[in-house]
Amino acid sequence: MGDVVAESKVDFGAFAVLNKWPSLANQRQPDREPYQVIEGTLDQCISAFMEKPAATRHLYEIRTAAQPPLVTGILSPEQVIELSRWREFL
């Protein structure tokens, strides 16, 4: 993935929304819709996500405009963590 990142430009200033899934016993409730926690830039949403306790991060997702190949329209917790790491290098 290192080569892909080196050749890819990620716009961390792009509009994004951090959403949280309703949960019960720390598990997503798939029959409910996620709700907005914050809206701002992709950078702000990544920062807000990383401030959440690691044990609850699976309940969050970031929605933004796709920026292939690294950024999809809905970013999973694993993708957000990877982008947070790459952001430090870019």
Protein backbone atom coordinates (compact mmCIF):
# COMPACT_ATOMS: atom_id res chain seq x y z
CA MET A 1 0.00 0.00 0.00
CA GLY A 2 2.98 2.31 0.51
CA ASP A 3 3.45 2.85 -3.24
CA VAL A 4 -0.24 3.58 -3.69
CA VAL A 5 -0.13 6.22 -0.95
CA ALA A 6 3.02 7.84 -2.33
CA GLU A 7 1.31 8.23 -5.71
CA SER A 8 -2.09 9.22 -4.32
CA LYS A 9 -3.25 12.61 -3.20
CA VAL A 10 -5.84 12.59 -0.44
CA ASP A 11 -7.77 15.82 0.03
CA PHE A 12 -8.04 16.00 3.81
CA GLY A 13 -9.93 19.28 3.38
CA ALA A 14 -12.83 17.52 1.62
CA PHE A 15 -16.27 17.69 3.23
CA ALA A 16 -16.99 14.72 5.49
CA VAL A 17 -19.40 13.57 8.19
CA LEU A 18 -18.59 11.39 11.20
CA ASN A 19 -21.54 9.13 12.00
CA LYS A 20 -22.21 6.81 14.91
CA TRP A 21 -24.39 3.73 14.76
CA PRO A 22 -26.93 3.30 17.56
CA SER A 23 -25.69 0.49 19.77
CA LEU A 24 -26.80 -1.96 22.39
CA ALA A 25 -24.18 -3.74 24.52
CA ASN A 26 -21.47 -2.10 22.35
CA GLN A 27 -22.88 -3.72 19.18
CA ARG A 28 -24.24 -1.87 16.14
CA GLN A 29 -28.00 -1.99 15.76
CA PRO A 30 -28.34 -2.75 12.03
CA ASP A 31 -32.07 -2.02 12.03
CA ARG A 32 -31.36 1.62 12.98
CA GLU A 33 -29.74 4.39 10.95
CA PRO A 34 -26.44 5.98 12.01
CA TYR A 35 -26.64 9.56 13.25
CA GLN A 36 -24.34 12.49 12.64
CA VAL A 37 -21.73 13.32 15.30
CA ILE A 38 -19.90 16.10 13.46
CA GLU A 39 -19.57 17.47 9.97
CA GLY A 40 -16.52 19.26 8.69
CA THR A 41 -13.40 18.33 6.78
CA LEU A 42 -12.09 14.80 6.37
CA ASP A 43 -9.19 15.84 8.59
CA GLN A 44 -11.52 17.04 11.37
CA CYS A 45 -13.60 13.86 11.16
CA ILE A 46 -10.50 11.64 11.32
CA SER A 47 -9.26 13.59 14.37
CA ALA A 48 -12.66 13.30 16.10
CA PHE A 49 -12.77 9.57 15.32
CA MET A 50 -9.27 9.01 16.73
CA GLU A 51 -10.32 10.72 19.99
CA LYS A 52 -12.98 8.05 20.55
CA PRO A 53 -12.08 5.11 22.81
CA ALA A 54 -10.60 2.27 20.78
CA ALA A 55 -13.22 -0.12 22.21
CA THR A 56 -16.07 1.91 20.62
CA ARG A 57 -14.54 2.91 17.26
CA HIS A 58 -16.33 0.06 15.46
CA LEU A 59 -19.56 2.01 16.02
CA TYR A 60 -18.36 4.93 13.86
CA GLU A 61 -17.93 5.60 10.16
CA ILE A 62 -16.96 8.58 8.05
CA ARG A 63 -18.90 9.47 4.91
CA THR A 64 -17.21 11.63 2.29
CA ALA A 65 -16.77 11.92 -1.46
CA ALA A 66 -14.80 8.97 -2.81
CA GLN A 67 -11.15 9.65 -3.66
CA PRO A 68 -9.95 6.42 -5.31
CA PRO A 69 -8.00 4.36 -4.57
CA LEU A 70 -7.65 5.14 -0.85
CA VAL A 71 -10.84 6.93 0.14
CA THR A 72 -14.22 5.27 -0.37
CA GLY A 73 -17.57 6.99 0.14
CA ILE A 74 -18.06 5.29 3.50
CA LEU A 75 -14.87 4.75 5.49
CA SER A 76 -14.73 1.83 7.91
CA PRO A 77 -12.93 2.21 11.24
CA GLU A 78 -9.97 0.28 9.79
CA GLN A 79 -9.73 2.65 6.83
CA VAL A 80 -9.92 5.71 9.10
CA ILE A 81 -7.08 4.37 11.25
CA GLU A 82 -4.95 3.77 8.12
CA LEU A 83 -5.69 7.26 6.80
CA SER A 84 -4.80 8.72 10.18
CA ARG A 85 -1.40 7.00 9.98
CA TRP A 86 -0.79 8.18 6.40
CA ARG A 87 -1.89 11.72 7.27
CA GLU A 88 1.12 12.00 9.60
CA PHE A 89 3.46 11.34 6.67
CA LEU A 90 1.76 13.59 4.10
